[in-house]
Amino acid sequence: MSPETIELVLISVVTAATPLILAAIGELVVERAGVLNLGVEGMMIVGAAIGFAAAYTTDSTLLGALAGMAAGVLLSAIFAILAVFMATNQVATGLALTILGVGLSGLAGAAFVGLKRDGATALDLPGLSHLPYVGKLIFGEDLFVYCAVGLVAAVGYFLSRTRLGLTLRAVGDNHASAHALGVSVRRVRLIAVLFGGGCAGLAGAYLSLAYTPFWSPGMTAGRGWIALALVVFSSWKPWRCLAGAILFGGATTLQLHAQAFGFPVPAQFMSALPYLATIVALVLLSILDRRGTAAPAALGQPFVPDR
């Protein structure tokens, strides 16, 4: 293959992986704090709808991205009120949040179905963005991609090298002990949930503003559930989330190219291939390396402070 073709394939992998990276890294922080939020899909689809509506109305991709993040934060705040402060069942609350998000996105995006706008502007560095093989891949992506990679690095550093990160992990491992030491468990979990909601909203906004710059109901296509799976099977480690998302992007790209070249494989199987490849590979990774793969001990457990 020519350098241009190879570069195009690699860029396709990265663009397919970006929304998963954003959503999964936010959910990883939430689960490290001991909260299981199954509403990622709902927050992503609302972020996609609100983000596109704001960007189309204001003709600003930045405002659209911020609006998508805000929508994810607001929806996650509802989850936090119920699951963190009212100690409702986190699984049921998260599923309800997904259903609510799908309904809200249909309502908010009804007037924008079929409309299109220019996608997010890609970086263009003279002399660097046009290097063979890696020019556009490294120096010619949009800001969403760099934000996703930066978030992985920042979250990895935060969780392992900062006092606040260690506090968050302590809350996720044993909220009773953290509370006894004077840590505000609910406050830590609230901030984590809001951060996860913002990341999910940004992931949804990326879909409608950059990946496919238009709004369509159901455009998240289960990516929120894949992001949840990536967190679990990556053993709650940021860099494994990144690797799993790239694997999904590679499988998605393989699916598209296989169909384009007319390989005699059922279309239904090729559509399922990205999801199957991601789950199987990360399960094998977890089996081969069991060190440090345990879930946060207090994951999914509601915290009710002593009265």
Protein backbone atom coordinates (compact mmCIF):
# COMPACT_ATOMS: atom_id res chain seq x y z
CA MET A 1 0.00 0.00 0.00
CA SER A 2 1.06 3.56 -0.61
CA PRO A 3 2.07 5.84 2.29
CA GLU A 4 -1.12 7.81 1.77
CA THR A 5 -3.29 4.70 2.09
CA ILE A 6 -1.50 3.50 5.22
CA GLU A 7 -1.82 6.92 6.78
CA LEU A 8 -5.52 7.07 5.90
CA VAL A 9 -6.12 3.69 7.56
CA LEU A 10 -4.27 4.74 10.71
CA ILE A 11 -6.21 8.00 10.89
CA SER A 12 -9.45 6.04 10.55
CA VAL A 13 -8.40 3.86 13.50
CA VAL A 14 -7.67 6.89 15.66
CA THR A 15 -10.91 8.68 14.81
CA ALA A 16 -12.95 5.56 15.57
CA ALA A 17 -11.14 5.15 18.90
CA THR A 18 -11.41 8.76 20.10
CA PRO A 19 -15.03 8.75 21.41
CA LEU A 20 -14.33 5.50 23.27
CA ILE A 21 -11.19 6.94 24.86
CA LEU A 22 -13.07 10.00 26.08
CA ALA A 23 -16.04 8.07 27.47
CA ALA A 24 -14.00 5.23 28.98
CA ILE A 25 -11.48 7.46 30.76
CA GLY A 26 -14.31 9.40 32.40
CA GLU A 27 -16.07 6.22 33.51
CA LEU A 28 -12.76 4.85 34.82
CA VAL A 29 -12.50 7.78 37.24
CA VAL A 30 -16.12 7.27 38.30
CA GLU A 31 -15.59 3.59 39.03
CA ARG A 32 -12.30 4.23 40.82
CA ALA A 33 -14.38 6.32 43.21
CA GLY A 34 -16.65 3.34 43.85
CA VAL A 35 -19.60 4.38 41.68
CA LEU A 36 -20.98 2.29 38.81
CA ASN A 37 -22.66 4.52 36.26
CA LEU A 38 -24.31 2.53 33.48
CA GLY A 39 -25.71 5.70 31.94
CA VAL A 40 -22.70 6.40 29.71
CA GLU A 41 -24.65 5.66 26.53
CA GLY A 42 -27.39 8.09 27.57
CA MET A 43 -24.93 10.87 28.40
CA MET A 44 -23.10 10.34 25.10
CA ILE A 45 -26.23 10.55 22.97
CA VAL A 46 -27.41 13.70 24.78
CA GLY A 47 -23.96 15.23 24.33
CA ALA A 48 -24.13 14.45 20.61
CA ALA A 49 -27.55 16.05 20.20
CA ILE A 50 -26.96 19.14 22.32
CA GLY A 51 -23.44 19.59 20.97
CA PHE A 52 -24.60 19.55 17.36
CA ALA A 53 -27.56 21.82 18.09
CA ALA A 54 -25.32 24.38 19.80
CA ALA A 55 -22.64 24.20 17.11
CA TYR A 56 -25.14 24.52 14.28
CA THR A 57 -26.92 27.45 15.94
CA THR A 58 -23.76 29.38 16.86
CA ASP A 59 -21.55 28.12 14.00
CA SER A 60 -18.87 27.30 16.58
CA THR A 61 -17.40 23.84 17.11
CA LEU A 62 -15.90 24.95 20.43
CA LEU A 63 -19.25 26.08 21.79
CA GLY A 64 -20.80 22.85 20.55
CA ALA A 65 -18.18 20.80 22.39
CA LEU A 66 -18.70 22.81 25.58
CA ALA A 67 -22.47 22.43 25.27
CA GLY A 68 -22.09 18.67 24.83
CA MET A 69 -19.93 18.50 27.93
CA ALA A 70 -22.43 20.59 29.88
CA ALA A 71 -25.26 18.30 28.82
CA GLY A 72 -23.31 15.26 30.03
CA VAL A 73 -22.54 16.98 33.34
CA LEU A 74 -26.19 17.92 33.92
CA LEU A 75 -27.38 14.41 33.18
CA SER A 76 -24.70 12.93 35.44
CA ALA A 77 -25.77 15.35 38.18
CA ILE A 78 -29.20 13.70 38.16
CA PHE A 79 -27.51 10.34 38.58
CA ALA A 80 -25.33 11.70 41.41
CA ILE A 81 -28.32 13.08 43.31
CA LEU A 82 -30.08 9.74 43.15
CA ALA A 83 -27.20 7.26 43.48
CA VAL A 84 -24.70 9.18 45.61
CA PHE A 85 -26.88 11.29 47.89
CA MET A 86 -30.09 9.25 48.00
CA ALA A 87 -28.26 5.87 47.88
CA THR A 88 -30.50 4.38 45.19
CA ASN A 89 -29.47 1.21 43.35
CA GLN A 90 -26.69 2.30 41.00
CA VAL A 91 -27.40 -0.29 38.31
CA ALA A 92 -31.09 0.57 38.04
CA THR A 93 -30.38 4.31 38.19
CA GLY A 94 -27.77 4.09 35.45
CA LEU A 95 -30.07 2.12 33.16
CA ALA A 96 -32.83 4.66 33.75
CA LEU A 97 -30.36 7.42 32.89
CA THR A 98 -29.62 5.78 29.54
CA ILE A 99 -33.33 5.55 28.73
CA LEU A 100 -33.80 9.18 29.77
CA GLY A 101 -30.83 10.26 27.66
CA VAL A 102 -32.13 8.53 24.54
CA GLY A 103 -35.50 10.24 24.96
CA LEU A 104 -34.02 13.66 25.64
CA SER A 105 -31.68 13.42 22.66
CA GLY A 106 -34.57 12.64 20.34
CA LEU A 107 -36.46 15.64 21.66
CA ALA A 108 -33.52 18.06 21.59
CA GLY A 109 -32.27 16.96 18.18
CA ALA A 110 -35.60 16.63 16.37
CA ALA A 111 -35.18 19.94 14.52
CA PHE A 112 -31.61 19.13 13.43
CA VAL A 113 -32.01 15.70 11.84
CA GLY A 114 -30.49 15.66 8.35
CA LEU A 115 -28.68 18.99 8.74
CA LYS A 116 -24.94 19.10 8.13
CA ARG A 117 -22.07 21.40 8.98
CA ASP A 118 -18.30 21.47 8.52
CA GLY A 119 -16.42 19.09 10.78
CA ALA A 120 -13.88 20.07 13.40
CA THR A 121 -10.80 21.77 11.96
CA ALA A 122 -7.67 19.62 11.88
CA LEU A 123 -4.27 20.89 12.98
CA ASP A 124 -1.95 21.90 10.13
CA LEU A 125 1.72 22.43 10.95
CA PRO A 126 3.87 23.40 7.94
CA GLY A 127 6.57 20.81 7.35
CA LEU A 128 5.18 18.37 9.92
CA SER A 129 1.58 17.65 8.94
CA HIS A 130 2.68 16.46 5.50
CA LEU A 131 5.36 13.98 6.56
CA PRO A 132 4.84 10.51 4.99
CA TYR A 133 3.01 7.87 7.08
CA VAL A 134 2.76 9.88 10.32
CA GLY A 135 2.35 13.53 9.34
CA LYS A 136 -1.42 13.84 9.48
CA LEU A 137 -1.67 11.06 12.05
CA ILE A 138 0.43 12.91 14.66
CA PHE A 139 0.36 16.54 13.57
CA GLY A 140 -2.89 16.76 11.60
CA GLU A 141 -5.66 15.60 13.93
CA ASP A 142 -8.42 17.73 15.41
CA LEU A 143 -8.30 18.97 19.00
CA PHE A 144 -10.68 16.23 20.20
CA VAL A 145 -8.02 13.60 19.50
CA TYR A 146 -5.27 15.46 21.36
CA CYS A 147 -7.67 16.12 24.22
CA ALA A 148 -8.44 12.39 24.48
CA VAL A 149 -4.78 11.36 24.62
CA GLY A 150 -4.02 14.17 27.06
CA LEU A 151 -6.84 13.04 29.33
CA VAL A 152 -5.44 9.50 29.46
CA ALA A 153 -2.03 10.82 30.52
CA ALA A 154 -3.53 13.28 33.01
CA VAL A 155 -5.83 10.71 34.62
CA GLY A 156 -3.02 8.16 34.84
CA TYR A 157 -0.81 10.68 36.60
CA PHE A 158 -3.64 11.93 38.81
CA LEU A 159 -4.61 8.49 40.07
CA SER A 160 -1.11 7.21 40.74
CA ARG A 161 0.97 10.26 41.62
CA THR A 162 -1.23 12.81 43.39
CA ARG A 163 -2.70 12.95 46.88
CA LEU A 164 -6.18 13.70 45.55
CA GLY A 165 -5.95 10.70 43.24
CA LEU A 166 -4.96 8.43 46.10
CA THR A 167 -7.87 9.81 48.12
CA LEU A 168 -10.28 9.01 45.29
CA ARG A 169 -8.92 5.48 45.08
CA ALA A 170 -9.26 5.08 48.83
CA VAL A 171 -12.91 6.06 48.61
CA GLY A 172 -13.44 3.45 45.90
CA ASP A 173 -11.66 0.73 47.86
CA ASN A 174 -13.10 1.34 51.33
CA HIS A 175 -15.47 4.24 51.75
CA ALA A 176 -16.07 3.50 55.44
CA SER A 177 -12.37 3.80 56.29
CA ALA A 178 -12.02 6.92 54.15
CA HIS A 179 -14.98 8.47 55.95
CA ALA A 180 -13.44 7.59 59.33
CA LEU A 181 -10.28 9.44 58.30
CA GLY A 182 -12.30 12.58 57.57
CA VAL A 183 -12.70 12.25 53.80
CA SER A 184 -15.97 13.59 52.39
CA VAL A 185 -16.96 10.45 50.48
CA ARG A 186 -20.04 11.95 48.87
CA ARG A 187 -18.17 15.02 47.68
CA VAL A 188 -15.41 12.92 46.11
CA ARG A 189 -17.94 10.70 44.38
CA LEU A 190 -19.97 13.68 43.20
CA ILE A 191 -16.95 15.29 41.55
CA ALA A 192 -15.96 11.97 39.97
CA VAL A 193 -19.46 11.42 38.57
CA LEU A 194 -19.61 14.95 37.14
CA PHE A 195 -16.19 14.49 35.54
CA GLY A 196 -17.34 11.22 33.97
CA GLY A 197 -20.46 12.92 32.67
CA GLY A 198 -18.44 15.71 31.10
CA CYS A 199 -16.18 13.19 29.35
CA ALA A 200 -19.16 11.20 28.07
CA GLY A 201 -20.82 14.38 26.81
CA LEU A 202 -17.62 15.39 25.04
CA ALA A 203 -17.39 11.92 23.48
CA GLY A 204 -20.91 12.30 22.13
CA ALA A 205 -20.16 15.80 20.85
CA TYR A 206 -17.13 14.41 18.99
CA LEU A 207 -19.41 12.01 17.11
CA SER A 208 -21.71 14.74 15.81
CA LEU A 209 -19.10 17.49 15.38
CA ALA A 210 -16.06 15.64 13.99
CA TYR A 211 -16.53 11.92 13.34
CA THR A 212 -19.71 12.35 11.30
CA PRO A 213 -20.57 16.08 11.34
CA PHE A 214 -24.33 15.73 11.47
CA TRP A 215 -26.93 14.62 13.99
CA SER A 216 -28.77 11.33 13.69
CA PRO A 217 -30.81 9.55 16.40
CA GLY A 218 -28.96 6.53 17.75
CA MET A 219 -25.62 7.62 16.29
CA THR A 220 -23.71 6.44 19.38
CA ALA A 221 -24.51 2.85 18.23
CA GLY A 222 -23.67 1.22 21.56
CA ARG A 223 -20.34 2.96 22.07
CA GLY A 224 -21.31 3.83 25.63
CA TRP A 225 -21.62 0.13 26.47
CA ILE A 226 -18.29 -0.61 24.81
CA ALA A 227 -16.70 2.14 26.92
CA LEU A 228 -18.06 0.44 30.04
CA ALA A 229 -16.62 -2.88 28.91
CA LEU A 230 -13.25 -1.28 28.22
CA VAL A 231 -13.05 0.01 31.78
CA VAL A 232 -13.77 -3.40 33.27
CA PHE A 233 -11.59 -5.50 31.00
CA SER A 234 -8.71 -2.99 31.11
CA SER A 235 -8.52 -3.58 34.86
CA TRP A 236 -9.24 0.08 35.63
CA LYS A 237 -5.92 1.20 34.12
CA PRO A 238 -5.96 4.29 31.86
CA TRP A 239 -3.38 3.11 29.34
CA ARG A 240 -5.20 -0.19 28.86
CA CYS A 241 -8.36 1.78 28.13
CA LEU A 242 -6.42 3.57 25.42
CA ALA A 243 -5.15 0.29 23.98
CA GLY A 244 -8.62 -1.25 24.02
CA ALA A 245 -10.14 1.77 22.28
CA ILE A 246 -7.48 1.61 19.56
CA LEU A 247 -8.22 -2.08 19.12
CA PHE A 248 -11.89 -1.26 18.63
CA GLY A 249 -10.95 1.43 16.11
CA GLY A 250 -8.80 -1.07 14.22
CA ALA A 251 -11.62 -3.62 14.11
CA THR A 252 -14.04 -0.95 12.91
CA THR A 253 -11.66 0.07 10.15
CA LEU A 254 -11.16 -3.57 9.16
CA GLN A 255 -14.91 -3.96 8.93
CA LEU A 256 -15.25 -1.00 6.55
CA HIS A 257 -12.36 -2.05 4.31
CA ALA A 258 -13.49 -5.68 4.17
CA GLN A 259 -16.92 -4.62 2.99
CA ALA A 260 -15.41 -2.18 0.48
CA PHE A 261 -13.23 -4.91 -1.05
CA GLY A 262 -16.16 -7.32 -1.19
CA PHE A 263 -14.80 -10.11 1.04
CA PRO A 264 -17.30 -13.02 1.21
CA VAL A 265 -18.12 -12.48 4.90
CA PRO A 266 -21.68 -11.86 6.15
CA ALA A 267 -22.29 -8.15 6.73
CA GLN A 268 -23.86 -8.89 10.12
CA PHE A 269 -20.67 -10.59 11.32
CA MET A 270 -18.49 -7.72 10.11
CA SER A 271 -20.71 -5.24 11.93
CA ALA A 272 -20.32 -7.21 15.14
CA LEU A 273 -16.57 -7.74 14.67
CA PRO A 274 -15.37 -4.53 16.42
CA TYR A 275 -17.36 -5.37 19.54
CA LEU A 276 -16.31 -9.02 19.55
CA ALA A 277 -12.63 -8.23 18.96
CA THR A 278 -12.52 -5.65 21.74
CA ILE A 279 -14.12 -7.87 24.35
CA VAL A 280 -12.21 -11.05 23.44
CA ALA A 281 -8.81 -9.33 23.35
CA LEU A 282 -9.28 -7.52 26.64
CA VAL A 283 -10.58 -10.65 28.36
CA LEU A 284 -7.45 -12.48 27.22
CA LEU A 285 -5.34 -9.59 28.48
CA SER A 286 -6.99 -9.80 31.88
CA ILE A 287 -6.45 -13.58 32.05
CA LEU A 288 -2.77 -13.32 31.11
CA ASP A 289 -2.06 -10.58 33.63
CA ARG A 290 -4.01 -10.95 36.85
CA ARG A 291 -1.81 -8.63 38.88
CA GLY A 292 -3.72 -5.56 39.96
CA THR A 293 -6.85 -6.53 38.05
CA ALA A 294 -9.24 -6.51 40.99
CA ALA A 295 -12.12 -4.06 40.84
CA PRO A 296 -12.39 -1.27 43.42
CA ALA A 297 -13.67 -3.06 46.52
CA ALA A 298 -16.54 -0.64 47.13
CA LEU A 299 -17.65 -0.44 43.48
CA GLY A 300 -21.44 -0.17 43.25
CA GLN A 301 -21.93 0.02 47.02
CA PRO A 302 -23.97 3.01 48.24
CA PHE A 303 -22.49 5.06 51.07
CA VAL A 304 -24.68 6.26 53.90
CA PRO A 305 -22.73 8.24 56.51
CA ASP A 306 -23.21 7.48 60.19
CA ARG A 307 -25.79 9.62 61.85
